[in-house]
Amino acid sequence: MSRTISSTVLPIQQVMAGATPTAWRDGVVLEASDRELSVAFLDGGVMRLQTFDAFAGLSVGEPVAFHPVAEILDVRSVATTARVV
Protein backbone atom coordinates (compact mmCIF):
# COMPACT_ATOMS: atom_id res chain seq x y z
CA MET A 1 0.00 0.00 0.00
CA SER A 2 1.36 3.42 -0.88
CA ARG A 3 1.33 6.32 1.53
CA THR A 4 0.65 9.95 0.70
CA ILE A 5 3.04 12.37 2.39
CA SER A 6 1.48 15.67 3.49
CA SER A 7 3.28 18.91 2.74
CA THR A 8 3.59 19.41 6.51
CA VAL A 9 6.07 16.50 6.77
CA LEU A 10 9.63 17.71 6.28
CA PRO A 11 12.26 15.60 4.51
CA ILE A 12 14.24 15.30 7.77
CA GLN A 13 11.15 13.80 9.45
CA GLN A 14 10.94 11.19 6.69
CA VAL A 15 14.64 10.35 7.15
CA MET A 16 14.19 10.05 10.93
CA ALA A 17 11.19 7.74 10.54
CA GLY A 18 13.09 5.60 8.05
CA ALA A 19 16.12 5.40 10.35
CA THR A 20 14.05 4.31 13.38
CA PRO A 21 11.29 2.06 12.04
CA THR A 22 10.75 0.34 15.39
CA ALA A 23 9.60 3.61 16.98
CA TRP A 24 6.19 3.49 15.22
CA ARG A 25 3.33 2.99 17.68
CA ASP A 26 0.02 1.56 16.52
CA GLY A 27 -3.19 2.67 18.14
CA VAL A 28 -6.85 3.53 17.77
CA VAL A 29 -8.60 6.88 17.98
CA LEU A 30 -10.42 7.52 21.27
CA GLU A 31 -11.76 10.96 20.32
CA ALA A 32 -11.10 13.43 17.53
CA SER A 33 -11.69 17.00 16.42
CA ASP A 34 -10.38 18.75 13.30
CA ARG A 35 -6.84 19.24 14.61
CA GLU A 36 -6.55 17.14 17.78
CA LEU A 37 -7.08 13.53 18.66
CA SER A 38 -6.63 11.17 21.58
CA VAL A 39 -5.07 7.84 20.72
CA ALA A 40 -4.99 4.64 22.78
CA PHE A 41 -1.85 2.77 21.76
CA LEU A 42 -1.68 -0.99 21.58
CA ASP A 43 1.23 -0.94 24.05
CA GLY A 44 -1.08 0.57 26.70
CA GLY A 45 -0.31 4.29 26.49
CA VAL A 46 -2.72 7.11 25.69
CA MET A 47 -1.70 10.41 24.06
CA ARG A 48 -3.37 13.57 22.89
CA LEU A 49 -1.92 14.71 19.56
CA GLN A 50 -2.20 17.94 17.61
CA THR A 51 -2.22 17.44 13.84
CA PHE A 52 -1.35 19.93 11.16
CA ASP A 53 -3.85 18.64 8.59
CA ALA A 54 -7.56 18.28 9.21
CA PHE A 55 -8.95 14.76 9.05
CA ALA A 56 -12.65 15.17 8.37
CA GLY A 57 -14.78 12.35 9.68
CA LEU A 58 -12.09 10.63 11.71
CA SER A 59 -13.97 7.98 13.68
CA VAL A 60 -13.54 6.59 17.17
CA GLY A 61 -11.84 3.21 16.83
CA GLU A 62 -10.05 4.12 13.59
CA PRO A 63 -6.49 2.72 13.41
CA VAL A 64 -3.53 5.10 13.32
CA ALA A 65 0.24 4.90 13.64
CA PHE A 66 2.41 7.54 15.33
CA HIS A 67 6.17 7.99 15.18
CA PRO A 68 7.06 10.08 18.27
CA VAL A 69 10.68 10.67 17.24
CA ALA A 70 9.82 11.98 13.77
CA GLU A 71 6.46 13.43 14.89
CA ILE A 72 4.58 11.77 12.03
CA LEU A 73 1.02 10.49 12.23
CA ASP A 74 -0.22 8.01 9.65
CA VAL A 75 -4.00 8.04 9.17
CA ARG A 76 -5.73 6.35 6.24
CA SER A 77 -2.34 5.99 4.48
CA VAL A 78 -1.73 9.73 4.75
CA ALA A 79 1.33 10.85 6.72
CA THR A 80 1.13 14.23 8.45
CA THR A 81 2.97 16.06 11.17
CA ALA A 82 1.61 15.57 14.69
CA ARG A 83 2.88 16.68 18.08
CA VAL A 84 2.06 15.60 21.61
CA VAL A 85 -0.18 18.17 23.29
C-alpha atoms as a PDB file:
ATOM      1  CA  MET A   1       0.000   0.000   0.000  1.00  0.00           C
ATOM      2  CA  SER A   2       1.357   3.418  -0.883  1.00  0.00           C
ATOM      3  CA  ARG A   3       1.326   6.317   1.534  1.00  0.00           C
ATOM      4  CA  THR A   4       0.652   9.952   0.696  1.00  0.00           C
ATOM      5  CA  ILE A   5       3.045  12.374   2.393  1.00  0.00           C
ATOM      6  CA  SER A   6       1.478  15.669   3.488  1.00  0.00           C
ATOM      7  CA  SER A   7       3.281  18.908   2.735  1.00  0.00           C
ATOM      8  CA  THR A   8       3.592  19.414   6.514  1.00  0.00           C
ATOM      9  CA  VAL A   9       6.071  16.504   6.768  1.00  0.00           C
ATOM     10  CA  LEU A  10       9.628  17.713   6.278  1.00  0.00           C
ATOM     11  CA  PRO A  11      12.262  15.597   4.505  1.00  0.00           C
ATOM     12  CA  ILE A  12      14.239  15.296   7.770  1.00  0.00           C
ATOM     13  CA  GLN A  13      11.154  13.796   9.450  1.00  0.00           C
ATOM     14  CA  GLN A  14      10.944  11.189   6.691  1.00  0.00           C
ATOM     15  CA  VAL A  15      14.637  10.353   7.153  1.00  0.00           C
ATOM     16  CA  MET A  16      14.189  10.048  10.932  1.00  0.00           C
ATOM     17  CA  ALA A  17      11.187   7.745  10.536  1.00  0.00           C
ATOM     18  CA  GLY A  18      13.089   5.597   8.055  1.00  0.00           C
ATOM     19  CA  ALA A  19      16.123   5.399  10.346  1.00  0.00           C
ATOM     20  CA  THR A  20      14.054   4.315  13.379  1.00  0.00           C
ATOM     21  CA  PRO A  21      11.286   2.062  12.040  1.00  0.00           C
ATOM     22  CA  THR A  22      10.752   0.341  15.392  1.00  0.00           C
ATOM     23  CA  ALA A  23       9.603   3.610  16.978  1.00  0.00           C
ATOM     24  CA  TRP A  24       6.195   3.490  15.218  1.00  0.00           C
ATOM     25  CA  ARG A  25       3.331   2.985  17.680  1.00  0.00           C
ATOM     26  CA  ASP A  26       0.021   1.558  16.516  1.00  0.00           C
ATOM     27  CA  GLY A  27      -3.193   2.671  18.135  1.00  0.00           C
ATOM     28  CA  VAL A  28      -6.846   3.525  17.772  1.00  0.00           C
ATOM     29  CA  VAL A  29      -8.603   6.881  17.980  1.00  0.00           C
ATOM     30  CA  LEU A  30     -10.423   7.518  21.270  1.00  0.00           C
ATOM     31  CA  GLU A  31     -11.757  10.961  20.323  1.00  0.00           C
ATOM     32  CA  ALA A  32     -11.105  13.435  17.531  1.00  0.00           C
ATOM     33  CA  SER A  33     -11.692  17.000  16.420  1.00  0.00           C
ATOM     34  CA  ASP A  34     -10.376  18.750  13.304  1.00  0.00           C
ATOM     35  CA  ARG A  35      -6.842  19.240  14.606  1.00  0.00           C
ATOM     36  CA  GLU A  36      -6.553  17.139  17.785  1.00  0.00           C
ATOM     37  CA  LEU A  37      -7.084  13.531  18.660  1.00  0.00           C
ATOM     38  CA  SER A  38      -6.634  11.169  21.577  1.00  0.00           C
ATOM     39  CA  VAL A  39      -5.066   7.843  20.724  1.00  0.00           C
ATOM     40  CA  ALA A  40      -4.993   4.635  22.775  1.00  0.00           C
ATOM     41  CA  PHE A  41      -1.851   2.773  21.757  1.00  0.00           C
ATOM     42  CA  LEU A  42      -1.682  -0.989  21.582  1.00  0.00           C
ATOM     43  CA  ASP A  43       1.227  -0.937  24.052  1.00  0.00           C
ATOM     44  CA  GLY A  44      -1.076   0.571  26.696  1.00  0.00           C
ATOM     45  CA  GLY A  45      -0.306   4.288  26.488  1.00  0.00           C
ATOM     46  CA  VAL A  46      -2.716   7.110  25.692  1.00  0.00           C
ATOM     47  CA  MET A  47      -1.701  10.407  24.064  1.00  0.00           C
ATOM     48  CA  ARG A  48      -3.371  13.573  22.886  1.00  0.00           C
ATOM     49  CA  LEU A  49      -1.923  14.714  19.558  1.00  0.00           C
ATOM     50  CA  GLN A  50      -2.203  17.941  17.612  1.00  0.00           C
ATOM     51  CA  THR A  51      -2.220  17.439  13.841  1.00  0.00           C
ATOM     52  CA  PHE A  52      -1.353  19.928  11.156  1.00  0.00           C
ATOM     53  CA  ASP A  53      -3.849  18.639   8.594  1.00  0.00           C
ATOM     54  CA  ALA A  54      -7.559  18.279   9.209  1.00  0.00           C
ATOM     55  CA  PHE A  55      -8.946  14.755   9.055  1.00  0.00           C
ATOM     56  CA  ALA A  56     -12.652  15.166   8.374  1.00  0.00           C
ATOM     57  CA  GLY A  57     -14.784  12.355   9.676  1.00  0.00           C
ATOM     58  CA  LEU A  58     -12.090  10.629  11.708  1.00  0.00           C
ATOM     59  CA  SER A  59     -13.969   7.979  13.684  1.00  0.00           C
ATOM     60  CA  VAL A  60     -13.535   6.586  17.175  1.00  0.00           C
ATOM     61  CA  GLY A  61     -11.836   3.213  16.827  1.00  0.00           C
ATOM     62  CA  GLU A  62     -10.052   4.115  13.595  1.00  0.00           C
ATOM     63  CA  PRO A  63      -6.489   2.724  13.414  1.00  0.00           C
ATOM     64  CA  VAL A  64      -3.533   5.100  13.322  1.00  0.00           C
ATOM     65  CA  ALA A  65       0.239   4.900  13.639  1.00  0.00           C
ATOM     66  CA  PHE A  66       2.410   7.542  15.326  1.00  0.00           C
ATOM     67  CA  HIS A  67       6.173   7.987  15.180  1.00  0.00           C
ATOM     68  CA  PRO A  68       7.060  10.079  18.273  1.00  0.00           C
ATOM     69  CA  VAL A  69      10.678  10.671  17.242  1.00  0.00           C
ATOM     70  CA  ALA A  70       9.824  11.985  13.770  1.00  0.00           C
ATOM     71  CA  GLU A  71       6.461  13.435  14.890  1.00  0.00           C
ATOM     72  CA  ILE A  72       4.583  11.769  12.028  1.00  0.00           C
ATOM     73  CA  LEU A  73       1.019  10.486  12.234  1.00  0.00           C
ATOM     74  CA  ASP A  74      -0.216   8.010   9.646  1.00  0.00           C
ATOM     75  CA  VAL A  75      -4.001   8.041   9.169  1.00  0.00           C
ATOM     76  CA  ARG A  76      -5.730   6.352   6.237  1.00  0.00           C
ATOM     77  CA  SER A  77      -2.340   5.987   4.484  1.00  0.00           C
ATOM     78  CA  VAL A  78      -1.727   9.726   4.751  1.00  0.00           C
ATOM     79  CA  ALA A  79       1.327  10.852   6.723  1.00  0.00           C
ATOM     80  CA  THR A  80       1.127  14.229   8.447  1.00  0.00           C
ATOM     81  CA  THR A  81       2.967  16.063  11.174  1.00  0.00           C
ATOM     82  CA  ALA A  82       1.606  15.566  14.689  1.00  0.00           C
ATOM     83  CA  ARG A  83       2.877  16.680  18.079  1.00  0.00           C
ATOM     84  CA  VAL A  84       2.061  15.601  21.607  1.00  0.00           C
ATOM     85  CA  VAL A  85      -0.181  18.172  23.290  1.00  0.00           C
END
